[in-house]
Amino acid sequence: NLGISTVYPLIIYIYKHVADDIQRLSFLKTIESYVVRRNICRLT
């Protein structure tokens, strides 16, 4: 919904090399915080 498709290569890479679901979620939470904070601040 924020139209951030450029993150998909990184997410696919993480899912390939990180098998543990809890660790994967930690990656997703960090990336989510990063892109949402930047979106709120209207950064490019």
PDB file of all heavy atoms in Angstrom:
ATOM      1  N   ASN A   1       0.800  -1.220   0.000  1.00  0.00           N
ATOM      2  CA  ASN A   1       0.000   0.000   0.000  1.00  0.00           C
ATOM      3  C   ASN A   1       0.835   1.273   0.000  1.00  0.00           C
ATOM      4  O   ASN A   1       0.329   2.335  -0.383  1.00  0.00           O
ATOM      5  CB  ASN A   1      -0.973  -0.019   1.176  1.00  0.00           C
ATOM      6  CG  ASN A   1      -2.117  -0.980   0.937  1.00  0.00           C
ATOM      7  OD1 ASN A   1      -3.050  -0.686   0.191  1.00  0.00           O
ATOM      8  ND2 ASN A   1      -2.057  -2.150   1.544  1.00  0.00           N
ATOM      9  N   LEU A   2       2.081   1.177   0.421  1.00  0.00           N
ATOM     10  CA  LEU A   2       2.976   2.337   0.301  1.00  0.00           C
ATOM     11  C   LEU A   2       3.781   2.285  -0.992  1.00  0.00           C
ATOM     12  O   LEU A   2       4.552   3.190  -1.288  1.00  0.00           O
ATOM     13  CB  LEU A   2       3.928   2.410   1.505  1.00  0.00           C
ATOM     14  CG  LEU A   2       3.289   2.664   2.872  1.00  0.00           C
ATOM     15  CD1 LEU A   2       4.365   2.840   3.942  1.00  0.00           C
ATOM     16  CD2 LEU A   2       2.364   3.874   2.857  1.00  0.00           C
ATOM     17  N   GLY A   3       3.609   1.205  -1.761  1.00  0.00           N
ATOM     18  CA  GLY A   3       4.253   1.101  -3.072  1.00  0.00           C
ATOM     19  C   GLY A   3       5.767   0.988  -3.007  1.00  0.00           C
ATOM     20  O   GLY A   3       6.472   1.591  -3.820  1.00  0.00           O
ATOM     21  N   ILE A   4       6.280   0.176  -2.061  1.00  0.00           N
ATOM     22  CA  ILE A   4       7.733   0.053  -1.902  1.00  0.00           C
ATOM     23  C   ILE A   4       8.180  -1.311  -2.431  1.00  0.00           C
ATOM     24  O   ILE A   4       8.644  -2.176  -1.678  1.00  0.00           O
ATOM     25  CB  ILE A   4       8.140   0.252  -0.429  1.00  0.00           C
ATOM     26  CG1 ILE A   4       7.522   1.544   0.109  1.00  0.00           C
ATOM     27  CG2 ILE A   4       9.661   0.328  -0.292  1.00  0.00           C
ATOM     28  CD1 ILE A   4       7.765   1.783   1.577  1.00  0.00           C
ATOM     29  N   SER A   5       8.041  -1.522  -3.713  1.00  0.00           N
ATOM     30  CA  SER A   5       8.388  -2.819  -4.319  1.00  0.00           C
ATOM     31  C   SER A   5       9.889  -3.044  -4.394  1.00  0.00           C
ATOM     32  O   SER A   5      10.337  -4.195  -4.509  1.00  0.00           O
ATOM     33  CB  SER A   5       7.776  -2.924  -5.718  1.00  0.00           C
ATOM     34  OG  SER A   5       8.246  -1.878  -6.548  1.00  0.00           O
ATOM     35  N   THR A   6      10.686  -1.980  -4.313  1.00  0.00           N
ATOM     36  CA  THR A   6      12.138  -2.127  -4.420  1.00  0.00           C
ATOM     37  C   THR A   6      12.751  -2.891  -3.250  1.00  0.00           C
ATOM     38  O   THR A   6      13.916  -3.289  -3.310  1.00  0.00           O
ATOM     39  CB  THR A   6      12.815  -0.742  -4.517  1.00  0.00           C
ATOM     40  OG1 THR A   6      12.276   0.115  -3.502  1.00  0.00           O
ATOM     41  CG2 THR A   6      12.575  -0.118  -5.878  1.00  0.00           C
ATOM     42  N   VAL A   7      11.973  -3.125  -2.196  1.00  0.00           N
ATOM     43  CA  VAL A   7      12.488  -3.873  -1.048  1.00  0.00           C
ATOM     44  C   VAL A   7      12.434  -5.384  -1.283  1.00  0.00           C
ATOM     45  O   VAL A   7      13.078  -6.154  -0.563  1.00  0.00           O
ATOM     46  CB  VAL A   7      11.703  -3.507   0.238  1.00  0.00           C
ATOM     47  CG1 VAL A   7      10.325  -4.163   0.252  1.00  0.00           C
ATOM     48  CG2 VAL A   7      12.484  -3.898   1.486  1.00  0.00           C
ATOM     49  N   TYR A   8      11.703  -5.825  -2.297  1.00  0.00           N
ATOM     50  CA  TYR A   8      11.507  -7.262  -2.490  1.00  0.00           C
ATOM     51  C   TYR A   8      12.801  -8.062  -2.671  1.00  0.00           C
ATOM     52  O   TYR A   8      12.913  -9.171  -2.114  1.00  0.00           O
ATOM     53  CB  TYR A   8      10.544  -7.526  -3.647  1.00  0.00           C
ATOM     54  CG  TYR A   8       9.094  -7.483  -3.219  1.00  0.00           C
ATOM     55  CD1 TYR A   8       8.248  -6.469  -3.640  1.00  0.00           C
ATOM     56  CD2 TYR A   8       8.577  -8.458  -2.373  1.00  0.00           C
ATOM     57  CE1 TYR A   8       6.927  -6.416  -3.234  1.00  0.00           C
ATOM     58  CE2 TYR A   8       7.251  -8.420  -1.964  1.00  0.00           C
ATOM     59  CZ  TYR A   8       6.430  -7.404  -2.394  1.00  0.00           C
ATOM     60  OH  TYR A   8       5.128  -7.369  -1.975  1.00  0.00           O
ATOM     61  N   PRO A   9      13.781  -7.598  -3.429  1.00  0.00           N
ATOM     62  CA  PRO A   9      15.025  -8.384  -3.536  1.00  0.00           C
ATOM     63  C   PRO A   9      15.656  -8.677  -2.173  1.00  0.00           C
ATOM     64  O   PRO A   9      16.102  -9.801  -1.928  1.00  0.00           O
ATOM     65  CB  PRO A   9      15.936  -7.507  -4.396  1.00  0.00           C
ATOM     66  CG  PRO A   9      14.980  -6.718  -5.241  1.00  0.00           C
ATOM     67  CD  PRO A   9      13.805  -6.435  -4.348  1.00  0.00           C
ATOM     68  N   LEU A  10      15.670  -7.687  -1.290  1.00  0.00           N
ATOM     69  CA  LEU A  10      16.234  -7.901   0.041  1.00  0.00           C
ATOM     70  C   LEU A  10      15.398  -8.897   0.841  1.00  0.00           C
ATOM     71  O   LEU A  10      15.946  -9.786   1.512  1.00  0.00           O
ATOM     72  CB  LEU A  10      16.331  -6.568   0.800  1.00  0.00           C
ATOM     73  CG  LEU A  10      16.810  -6.648   2.258  1.00  0.00           C
ATOM     74  CD1 LEU A  10      18.185  -7.297   2.357  1.00  0.00           C
ATOM     75  CD2 LEU A  10      16.813  -5.259   2.895  1.00  0.00           C
ATOM     76  N   ILE A  11      14.083  -8.783   0.765  1.00  0.00           N
ATOM     77  CA  ILE A  11      13.205  -9.693   1.517  1.00  0.00           C
ATOM     78  C   ILE A  11      13.367 -11.124   1.013  1.00  0.00           C
ATOM     79  O   ILE A  11      13.463 -12.073   1.802  1.00  0.00           O
ATOM     80  CB  ILE A  11      11.734  -9.244   1.404  1.00  0.00           C
ATOM     81  CG1 ILE A  11      11.561  -7.822   1.929  1.00  0.00           C
ATOM     82  CG2 ILE A  11      10.821 -10.203   2.176  1.00  0.00           C
ATOM     83  CD1 ILE A  11      12.067  -7.608   3.323  1.00  0.00           C
ATOM     84  N   ILE A  12      13.428 -11.289  -0.298  1.00  0.00           N
ATOM     85  CA  ILE A  12      13.620 -12.626  -0.867  1.00  0.00           C
ATOM     86  C   ILE A  12      14.954 -13.203  -0.421  1.00  0.00           C
ATOM     87  O   ILE A  12      15.055 -14.381  -0.051  1.00  0.00           O
ATOM     88  CB  ILE A  12      13.538 -12.574  -2.408  1.00  0.00           C
ATOM     89  CG1 ILE A  12      12.119 -12.198  -2.846  1.00  0.00           C
ATOM     90  CG2 ILE A  12      13.927 -13.912  -3.026  1.00  0.00           C
ATOM     91  CD1 ILE A  12      12.005 -11.881  -4.335  1.00  0.00           C
ATOM     92  N   TYR A  13      15.987 -12.381  -0.434  1.00  0.00           N
ATOM     93  CA  TYR A  13      17.318 -12.820  -0.007  1.00  0.00           C
ATOM     94  C   TYR A  13      17.286 -13.267   1.453  1.00  0.00           C
ATOM     95  O   TYR A  13      17.858 -14.309   1.813  1.00  0.00           O
ATOM     96  CB  TYR A  13      18.315 -11.676  -0.199  1.00  0.00           C
ATOM     97  CG  TYR A  13      19.751 -12.043   0.095  1.00  0.00           C
ATOM     98  CD1 TYR A  13      20.568 -12.615  -0.878  1.00  0.00           C
ATOM     99  CD2 TYR A  13      20.292 -11.812   1.365  1.00  0.00           C
ATOM    100  CE1 TYR A  13      21.887 -12.951  -0.600  1.00  0.00           C
ATOM    101  CE2 TYR A  13      21.603 -12.141   1.643  1.00  0.00           C
ATOM    102  CZ  TYR A  13      22.405 -12.712   0.664  1.00  0.00           C
ATOM    103  OH  TYR A  13      23.711 -13.050   0.952  1.00  0.00           O
ATOM    104  N   ILE A  14      16.628 -12.497   2.307  1.00  0.00           N
ATOM    105  CA  ILE A  14      16.535 -12.842   3.726  1.00  0.00           C
ATOM    106  C   ILE A  14      15.790 -14.166   3.903  1.00  0.00           C
ATOM    107  O   ILE A  14      16.222 -15.047   4.661  1.00  0.00           O
ATOM    108  CB  ILE A  14      15.834 -11.712   4.512  1.00  0.00           C
ATOM    109  CG1 ILE A  14      16.762 -10.489   4.605  1.00  0.00           C
ATOM    110  CG2 ILE A  14      15.437 -12.182   5.919  1.00  0.00           C
ATOM    111  CD1 ILE A  14      16.085  -9.232   5.095  1.00  0.00           C
ATOM    112  N   TYR A  15      14.690 -14.340   3.193  1.00  0.00           N
ATOM    113  CA  TYR A  15      13.906 -15.574   3.329  1.00  0.00           C
ATOM    114  C   TYR A  15      14.693 -16.788   2.838  1.00  0.00           C
ATOM    115  O   TYR A  15      14.491 -17.895   3.348  1.00  0.00           O
ATOM    116  CB  TYR A  15      12.593 -15.447   2.553  1.00  0.00           C
ATOM    117  CG  TYR A  15      11.457 -14.867   3.372  1.00  0.00           C
ATOM    118  CD1 TYR A  15      11.534 -13.574   3.875  1.00  0.00           C
ATOM    119  CD2 TYR A  15      10.327 -15.612   3.655  1.00  0.00           C
ATOM    120  CE1 TYR A  15      10.505 -13.034   4.623  1.00  0.00           C
ATOM    121  CE2 TYR A  15       9.281 -15.085   4.411  1.00  0.00           C
ATOM    122  CZ  TYR A  15       9.379 -13.796   4.893  1.00  0.00           C
ATOM    123  OH  TYR A  15       8.363 -13.267   5.647  1.00  0.00           O
ATOM    124  N   LYS A  16      15.567 -16.578   1.873  1.00  0.00           N
ATOM    125  CA  LYS A  16      16.372 -17.701   1.375  1.00  0.00           C
ATOM    126  C   LYS A  16      17.432 -18.124   2.380  1.00  0.00           C
ATOM    127  O   LYS A  16      17.718 -19.310   2.537  1.00  0.00           O
ATOM    128  CB  LYS A  16      17.033 -17.336   0.045  1.00  0.00           C
ATOM    129  CG  LYS A  16      17.827 -18.490  -0.591  1.00  0.00           C
ATOM    130  CD  LYS A  16      18.409 -18.060  -1.931  1.00  0.00           C
ATOM    131  CE  LYS A  16      19.035 -19.240  -2.674  1.00  0.00           C
ATOM    132  NZ  LYS A  16      20.157 -19.858  -1.969  1.00  0.00           N
ATOM    133  N   HIS A  17      18.023 -17.158   3.070  1.00  0.00           N
ATOM    134  CA  HIS A  17      19.176 -17.447   3.917  1.00  0.00           C
ATOM    135  C   HIS A  17      18.866 -17.490   5.414  1.00  0.00           C
ATOM    136  O   HIS A  17      19.735 -17.879   6.196  1.00  0.00           O
ATOM    137  CB  HIS A  17      20.277 -16.410   3.653  1.00  0.00           C
ATOM    138  CG  HIS A  17      20.830 -16.474   2.262  1.00  0.00           C
ATOM    139  ND1 HIS A  17      21.764 -17.409   1.884  1.00  0.00           N
ATOM    140  CD2 HIS A  17      20.554 -15.725   1.160  1.00  0.00           C
ATOM    141  CE1 HIS A  17      22.054 -17.235   0.601  1.00  0.00           C
ATOM    142  NE2 HIS A  17      21.341 -16.220   0.145  1.00  0.00           N
ATOM    143  N   VAL A  18      17.661 -17.088   5.798  1.00  0.00           N
ATOM    144  CA  VAL A  18      17.271 -17.128   7.214  1.00  0.00           C
ATOM    145  C   VAL A  18      16.051 -18.030   7.331  1.00  0.00           C
ATOM    146  O   VAL A  18      14.955 -17.668   6.908  1.00  0.00           O
ATOM    147  CB  VAL A  18      16.938 -15.714   7.746  1.00  0.00           C
ATOM    148  CG1 VAL A  18      16.502 -15.786   9.208  1.00  0.00           C
ATOM    149  CG2 VAL A  18      18.139 -14.787   7.583  1.00  0.00           C
ATOM    150  N   ALA A  19      16.245 -19.211   7.917  1.00  0.00           N
ATOM    151  CA  ALA A  19      15.169 -20.207   7.971  1.00  0.00           C
ATOM    152  C   ALA A  19      14.243 -20.017   9.168  1.00  0.00           C
ATOM    153  O   ALA A  19      13.061 -20.366   9.098  1.00  0.00           O
ATOM    154  CB  ALA A  19      15.763 -21.615   8.006  1.00  0.00           C
ATOM    155  N   ASP A  20      14.754 -19.446  10.247  1.00  0.00           N
ATOM    156  CA  ASP A  20      13.975 -19.323  11.471  1.00  0.00           C
ATOM    157  C   ASP A  20      12.903 -18.234  11.339  1.00  0.00           C
ATOM    158  O   ASP A  20      13.213 -17.078  11.015  1.00  0.00           O
ATOM    159  CB  ASP A  20      14.900 -18.992  12.642  1.00  0.00           C
ATOM    160  CG  ASP A  20      14.162 -18.944  13.953  1.00  0.00           C
ATOM    161  OD1 ASP A  20      13.910 -20.015  14.530  1.00  0.00           O
ATOM    162  OD2 ASP A  20      13.815 -17.828  14.391  1.00  0.00           O
ATOM    163  N   ASP A  21      11.649 -18.583  11.608  1.00  0.00           N
ATOM    164  CA  ASP A  21      10.542 -17.638  11.432  1.00  0.00           C
ATOM    165  C   ASP A  21      10.653 -16.432  12.353  1.00  0.00           C
ATOM    166  O   ASP A  21      10.340 -15.302  11.951  1.00  0.00           O
ATOM    167  CB  ASP A  21       9.205 -18.346  11.671  1.00  0.00           C
ATOM    168  CG  ASP A  21       8.843 -19.314  10.560  1.00  0.00           C
ATOM    169  OD1 ASP A  21       9.386 -19.160   9.451  1.00  0.00           O
ATOM    170  OD2 ASP A  21       8.022 -20.226  10.793  1.00  0.00           O
ATOM    171  N   ILE A  22      11.071 -16.652  13.584  1.00  0.00           N
ATOM    172  CA  ILE A  22      11.192 -15.542  14.538  1.00  0.00           C
ATOM    173  C   ILE A  22      12.261 -14.557  14.082  1.00  0.00           C
ATOM    174  O   ILE A  22      12.080 -13.335  14.162  1.00  0.00           O
ATOM    175  CB  ILE A  22      11.493 -16.081  15.954  1.00  0.00           C
ATOM    176  CG1 ILE A  22      10.311 -16.917  16.467  1.00  0.00           C
ATOM    177  CG2 ILE A  22      11.802 -14.932  16.909  1.00  0.00           C
ATOM    178  CD1 ILE A  22      10.545 -17.574  17.804  1.00  0.00           C
ATOM    179  N   GLN A  23      13.386 -15.082  13.591  1.00  0.00           N
ATOM    180  CA  GLN A  23      14.440 -14.199  13.080  1.00  0.00           C
ATOM    181  C   GLN A  23      13.956 -13.430  11.862  1.00  0.00           C
ATOM    182  O   GLN A  23      14.254 -12.242  11.714  1.00  0.00           O
ATOM    183  CB  GLN A  23      15.676 -15.028  12.735  1.00  0.00           C
ATOM    184  CG  GLN A  23      16.405 -15.588  13.947  1.00  0.00           C
ATOM    185  CD  GLN A  23      17.670 -16.327  13.566  1.00  0.00           C
ATOM    186  OE1 GLN A  23      18.320 -16.006  12.581  1.00  0.00           O
ATOM    187  NE2 GLN A  23      18.016 -17.334  14.349  1.00  0.00           N
ATOM    188  N   ARG A  24      13.218 -14.107  10.989  1.00  0.00           N
ATOM    189  CA  ARG A  24      12.678 -13.414   9.815  1.00  0.00           C
ATOM    190  C   ARG A  24      11.790 -12.243  10.225  1.00  0.00           C
ATOM    191  O   ARG A  24      11.887 -11.149   9.663  1.00  0.00           O
ATOM    192  CB  ARG A  24      11.868 -14.388   8.952  1.00  0.00           C
ATOM    193  CG  ARG A  24      12.689 -15.353   8.129  1.00  0.00           C
ATOM    194  CD  ARG A  24      11.752 -16.258   7.341  1.00  0.00           C
ATOM    195  NE  ARG A  24      12.465 -17.173   6.469  1.00  0.00           N
ATOM    196  CZ  ARG A  24      11.874 -18.098   5.714  1.00  0.00           C
ATOM    197  NH1 ARG A  24      10.546 -18.233   5.757  1.00  0.00           N
ATOM    198  NH2 ARG A  24      12.597 -18.887   4.936  1.00  0.00           N
ATOM    199  N   LEU A  25      10.939 -12.472  11.214  1.00  0.00           N
ATOM    200  CA  LEU A  25      10.054 -11.406  11.665  1.00  0.00           C
ATOM    201  C   LEU A  25      10.838 -10.229  12.233  1.00  0.00           C
ATOM    202  O   LEU A  25      10.435  -9.070  12.090  1.00  0.00           O
ATOM    203  CB  LEU A  25       9.071 -11.943  12.713  1.00  0.00           C
ATOM    204  CG  LEU A  25       7.954 -12.845  12.200  1.00  0.00           C
ATOM    205  CD1 LEU A  25       7.060 -13.296  13.351  1.00  0.00           C
ATOM    206  CD2 LEU A  25       7.126 -12.150  11.124  1.00  0.00           C
ATOM    207  N   SER A  26      11.967 -10.510  12.863  1.00  0.00           N
ATOM    208  CA  SER A  26      12.809  -9.424  13.370  1.00  0.00           C
ATOM    209  C   SER A  26      13.329  -8.560  12.230  1.00  0.00           C
ATOM    210  O   SER A  26      13.375  -7.325  12.347  1.00  0.00           O
ATOM    211  CB  SER A  26      13.980 -10.003  14.173  1.00  0.00           C
ATOM    212  OG  SER A  26      13.536 -10.670  15.325  1.00  0.00           O
ATOM    213  N   PHE A  27      13.719  -9.195  11.140  1.00  0.00           N
ATOM    214  CA  PHE A  27      14.135  -8.443   9.948  1.00  0.00           C
ATOM    215  C   PHE A  27      12.977  -7.590   9.425  1.00  0.00           C
ATOM    216  O   PHE A  27      13.150  -6.409   9.114  1.00  0.00           O
ATOM    217  CB  PHE A  27      14.601  -9.404   8.846  1.00  0.00           C
ATOM    218  CG  PHE A  27      16.005  -9.913   9.002  1.00  0.00           C
ATOM    219  CD1 PHE A  27      16.256 -11.138   9.571  1.00  0.00           C
ATOM    220  CD2 PHE A  27      17.082  -9.158   8.556  1.00  0.00           C
ATOM    221  CE1 PHE A  27      17.547 -11.626   9.710  1.00  0.00           C
ATOM    222  CE2 PHE A  27      18.384  -9.628   8.677  1.00  0.00           C
ATOM    223  CZ  PHE A  27      18.618 -10.861   9.254  1.00  0.00           C
ATOM    224  N   LEU A  28      11.798  -8.207   9.304  1.00  0.00           N
ATOM    225  CA  LEU A  28      10.638  -7.496   8.757  1.00  0.00           C
ATOM    226  C   LEU A  28      10.271  -6.298   9.626  1.00  0.00           C
ATOM    227  O   LEU A  28       9.951  -5.223   9.107  1.00  0.00           O
ATOM    228  CB  LEU A  28       9.439  -8.435   8.632  1.00  0.00           C
ATOM    229  CG  LEU A  28       9.570  -9.624   7.677  1.00  0.00           C
ATOM    230  CD1 LEU A  28       8.233 -10.335   7.533  1.00  0.00           C
ATOM    231  CD2 LEU A  28      10.092  -9.207   6.314  1.00  0.00           C
ATOM    232  N   LYS A  29      10.309  -6.467  10.946  1.00  0.00           N
ATOM    233  CA  LYS A  29       9.957  -5.370  11.849  1.00  0.00           C
ATOM    234  C   LYS A  29      10.925  -4.200  11.696  1.00  0.00           C
ATOM    235  O   LYS A  29      10.513  -3.035  11.723  1.00  0.00           O
ATOM    236  CB  LYS A  29       9.931  -5.865  13.294  1.00  0.00           C
ATOM    237  CG  LYS A  29       8.754  -6.773  13.615  1.00  0.00           C
ATOM    238  CD  LYS A  29       8.836  -7.284  15.053  1.00  0.00           C
ATOM    239  CE  LYS A  29       7.708  -8.245  15.373  1.00  0.00           C
ATOM    240  NZ  LYS A  29       7.813  -8.791  16.754  1.00  0.00           N
ATOM    241  N   THR A  30      12.214  -4.499  11.547  1.00  0.00           N
ATOM    242  CA  THR A  30      13.208  -3.434  11.374  1.00  0.00           C
ATOM    243  C   THR A  30      12.978  -2.688  10.076  1.00  0.00           C
ATOM    244  O   THR A  30      12.982  -1.444  10.039  1.00  0.00           O
ATOM    245  CB  THR A  30      14.630  -4.014  11.420  1.00  0.00           C
ATOM    246  OG1 THR A  30      14.882  -4.558  12.709  1.00  0.00           O
ATOM    247  CG2 THR A  30      15.666  -2.945  11.102  1.00  0.00           C
ATOM    248  N   ILE A  31      12.774  -3.430   8.995  1.00  0.00           N
ATOM    249  CA  ILE A  31      12.551  -2.795   7.690  1.00  0.00           C
ATOM    250  C   ILE A  31      11.247  -2.013   7.695  1.00  0.00           C
ATOM    251  O   ILE A  31      11.164  -0.897   7.159  1.00  0.00           O
ATOM    252  CB  ILE A  31      12.560  -3.848   6.571  1.00  0.00           C
ATOM    253  CG1 ILE A  31      13.938  -4.508   6.484  1.00  0.00           C
ATOM    254  CG2 ILE A  31      12.190  -3.219   5.226  1.00  0.00           C
ATOM    255  CD1 ILE A  31      13.983  -5.743   5.608  1.00  0.00           C
ATOM    256  N   GLU A  32      10.217  -2.579   8.323  1.00  0.00           N
ATOM    257  CA  GLU A  32       8.928  -1.876   8.422  1.00  0.00           C
ATOM    258  C   GLU A  32       9.092  -0.552   9.153  1.00  0.00           C
ATOM    259  O   GLU A  32       8.596   0.484   8.701  1.00  0.00           O
ATOM    260  CB  GLU A  32       7.909  -2.762   9.140  1.00  0.00           C
ATOM    261  CG  GLU A  32       6.544  -2.118   9.285  1.00  0.00           C
ATOM    262  CD  GLU A  32       5.565  -2.985  10.055  1.00  0.00           C
ATOM    263  OE1 GLU A  32       5.637  -4.231   9.948  1.00  0.00           O
ATOM    264  OE2 GLU A  32       4.732  -2.421  10.783  1.00  0.00           O
ATOM    265  N   SER A  33       9.784  -0.565  10.271  1.00  0.00           N
ATOM    266  CA  SER A  33       9.993   0.672  11.025  1.00  0.00           C
ATOM    267  C   SER A  33      10.738   1.704  10.177  1.00  0.00           C
ATOM    268  O   SER A  33      10.399   2.893  10.182  1.00  0.00           O
ATOM    269  CB  SER A  33      10.785   0.392  12.301  1.00  0.00           C
ATOM    270  OG  SER A  33      10.014  -0.322  13.235  1.00  0.00           O
ATOM    271  N   TYR A  34      11.725   1.236   9.458  1.00  0.00           N
ATOM    272  CA  TYR A  34      12.539   2.130   8.634  1.00  0.00           C
ATOM    273  C   TYR A  34      11.692   2.807   7.551  1.00  0.00           C
ATOM    274  O   TYR A  34      11.695   4.039   7.421  1.00  0.00           O
ATOM    275  CB  TYR A  34      13.684   1.338   8.004  1.00  0.00           C
ATOM    276  CG  TYR A  34      14.571   2.134   7.077  1.00  0.00           C
ATOM    277  CD1 TYR A  34      15.533   3.003   7.577  1.00  0.00           C
ATOM    278  CD2 TYR A  34      14.440   2.009   5.692  1.00  0.00           C
ATOM    279  CE1 TYR A  34      16.354   3.734   6.721  1.00  0.00           C
ATOM    280  CE2 TYR A  34      15.252   2.730   4.834  1.00  0.00           C
ATOM    281  CZ  TYR A  34      16.205   3.594   5.353  1.00  0.00           C
ATOM    282  OH  TYR A  34      17.003   4.318   4.501  1.00  0.00           O
ATOM    283  N   VAL A  35      10.960   2.023   6.780  1.00  0.00           N
ATOM    284  CA  VAL A  35      10.220   2.606   5.647  1.00  0.00           C
ATOM    285  C   VAL A  35       9.025   3.414   6.123  1.00  0.00           C
ATOM    286  O   VAL A  35       8.680   4.441   5.507  1.00  0.00           O
ATOM    287  CB  VAL A  35       9.796   1.526   4.621  1.00  0.00           C
ATOM    288  CG1 VAL A  35      11.017   0.842   4.020  1.00  0.00           C
ATOM    289  CG2 VAL A  35       8.841   0.502   5.219  1.00  0.00           C
ATOM    290  N   VAL A  36       8.373   2.999   7.206  1.00  0.00           N
ATOM    291  CA  VAL A  36       7.214   3.750   7.684  1.00  0.00           C
ATOM    292  C   VAL A  36       7.643   5.076   8.300  1.00  0.00           C
ATOM    293  O   VAL A  36       7.030   6.121   8.049  1.00  0.00           O
ATOM    294  CB  VAL A  36       6.391   2.927   8.686  1.00  0.00           C
ATOM    295  CG1 VAL A  36       5.310   3.793   9.331  1.00  0.00           C
ATOM    296  CG2 VAL A  36       5.739   1.739   7.987  1.00  0.00           C
ATOM    297  N   ARG A  37       8.690   5.072   9.107  1.00  0.00           N
ATOM    298  CA  ARG A  37       9.181   6.334   9.674  1.00  0.00           C
ATOM    299  C   ARG A  37       9.564   7.317   8.561  1.00  0.00           C
ATOM    300  O   ARG A  37       9.254   8.512   8.649  1.00  0.00           O
ATOM    301  CB  ARG A  37      10.396   6.070  10.577  1.00  0.00           C
ATOM    302  CG  ARG A  37      10.047   5.593  11.985  1.00  0.00           C
ATOM    303  CD  ARG A  37      11.314   5.270  12.755  1.00  0.00           C
ATOM    304  NE  ARG A  37      11.047   4.959  14.149  1.00  0.00           N
ATOM    305  CZ  ARG A  37      11.407   5.714  15.181  1.00  0.00           C
ATOM    306  NH1 ARG A  37      12.057   6.833  15.000  1.00  0.00           N
ATOM    307  NH2 ARG A  37      11.125   5.345  16.421  1.00  0.00           N
ATOM    308  N   ARG A  38      10.221   6.808   7.551  1.00  0.00           N
ATOM    309  CA  ARG A  38      10.604   7.688   6.449  1.00  0.00           C
ATOM    310  C   ARG A  38       9.359   8.182   5.703  1.00  0.00           C
ATOM    311  O   ARG A  38       9.314   9.326   5.250  1.00  0.00           O
ATOM    312  CB  ARG A  38      11.550   6.957   5.496  1.00  0.00           C
ATOM    313  CG  ARG A  38      12.957   6.778   6.063  1.00  0.00           C
ATOM    314  CD  ARG A  38      13.900   6.132   5.040  1.00  0.00           C
ATOM    315  NE  ARG A  38      13.987   6.895   3.814  1.00  0.00           N
ATOM    316  CZ  ARG A  38      14.780   7.948   3.619  1.00  0.00           C
ATOM    317  NH1 ARG A  38      15.583   8.353   4.607  1.00  0.00           N
ATOM    318  NH2 ARG A  38      14.797   8.587   2.475  1.00  0.00           N
ATOM    319  N   ASN A  39       8.363   7.342   5.590  1.00  0.00           N
ATOM    320  CA  ASN A  39       7.134   7.758   4.921  1.00  0.00           C
ATOM    321  C   ASN A  39       6.424   8.846   5.720  1.00  0.00           C
ATOM    322  O   ASN A  39       5.949   9.839   5.149  1.00  0.00           O
ATOM    323  CB  ASN A  39       6.209   6.549   4.738  1.00  0.00           C
ATOM    324  CG  ASN A  39       4.988   6.887   3.917  1.00  0.00           C
ATOM    325  OD1 ASN A  39       4.000   7.384   4.445  1.00  0.00           O
ATOM    326  ND2 ASN A  39       5.046   6.624   2.633  1.00  0.00           N
ATOM    327  N   ILE A  40       6.337   8.667   7.022  1.00  0.00           N
ATOM    328  CA  ILE A  40       5.719   9.678   7.870  1.00  0.00           C
ATOM    329  C   ILE A  40       6.450  11.014   7.737  1.00  0.00           C
ATOM    330  O   ILE A  40       5.825  12.080   7.686  1.00  0.00           O
ATOM    331  CB  ILE A  40       5.719   9.214   9.343  1.00  0.00           C
ATOM    332  CG1 ILE A  40       4.746   8.039   9.527  1.00  0.00           C
ATOM    333  CG2 ILE A  40       5.353  10.364  10.286  1.00  0.00           C
ATOM    334  CD1 ILE A  40       4.863   7.352  10.877  1.00  0.00           C
ATOM    335  N   CYS A  41       7.777  10.956   7.654  1.00  0.00           N
ATOM    336  CA  CYS A  41       8.591  12.174   7.541  1.00  0.00           C
ATOM    337  C   CYS A  41       8.664  12.698   6.101  1.00  0.00           C
ATOM    338  O   CYS A  41       9.338  13.697   5.841  1.00  0.00           O
ATOM    339  CB  CYS A  41       9.998  11.907   8.070  1.00  0.00           C
ATOM    340  SG  CYS A  41      10.053  11.589   9.855  1.00  0.00           S
ATOM    341  N   ARG A  42       7.984  12.023   5.192  1.00  0.00           N
ATOM    342  CA  ARG A  42       7.916  12.406   3.780  1.00  0.00           C
ATOM    343  C   ARG A  42       9.302  12.457   3.142  1.00  0.00           C
ATOM    344  O   ARG A  42       9.630  13.358   2.368  1.00  0.00           O
ATOM    345  CB  ARG A  42       7.208  13.764   3.604  1.00  0.00           C
ATOM    346  CG  ARG A  42       5.876  13.899   4.301  1.00  0.00           C
ATOM    347  CD  ARG A  42       4.900  12.746   4.012  1.00  0.00           C
ATOM    348  NE  ARG A  42       4.669  12.548   2.604  1.00  0.00           N
ATOM    349  CZ  ARG A  42       4.668  11.344   2.011  1.00  0.00           C
ATOM    350  NH1 ARG A  42       4.917  10.245   2.696  1.00  0.00           N
ATOM    351  NH2 ARG A  42       4.443  11.251   0.725  1.00  0.00           N
ATOM    352  N   LEU A  43      10.139  11.478   3.455  1.00  0.00           N
ATOM    353  CA  LEU A  43      11.472  11.376   2.878  1.00  0.00           C
ATOM    354  C   LEU A  43      11.423  10.525   1.614  1.00  0.00           C
ATOM    355  O   LEU A  43      10.608   9.613   1.484  1.00  0.00           O
ATOM    356  CB  LEU A  43      12.444  10.777   3.903  1.00  0.00           C
ATOM    357  CG  LEU A  43      12.669  11.630   5.153  1.00  0.00           C
ATOM    358  CD1 LEU A  43      13.524  10.892   6.171  1.00  0.00           C
ATOM    359  CD2 LEU A  43      13.306  12.971   4.808  1.00  0.00           C
ATOM    360  N   THR A  44      12.318  10.794   0.709  1.00  0.00           N
ATOM    361  CA  THR A  44      12.291  10.182  -0.612  1.00  0.00           C
ATOM    362  C   THR A  44      12.520   8.671  -0.582  1.00  0.00           C
ATOM    363  O   THR A  44      13.215   8.150   0.298  1.00  0.00           O
ATOM    364  CB  THR A  44      13.349  10.833  -1.527  1.00  0.00           C
ATOM    365  OG1 THR A  44      13.257  10.264  -2.843  1.00  0.00           O
ATOM    366  CG2 THR A  44      14.752  10.627  -0.978  1.00  0.00           C
TER     367      THR A  44
END
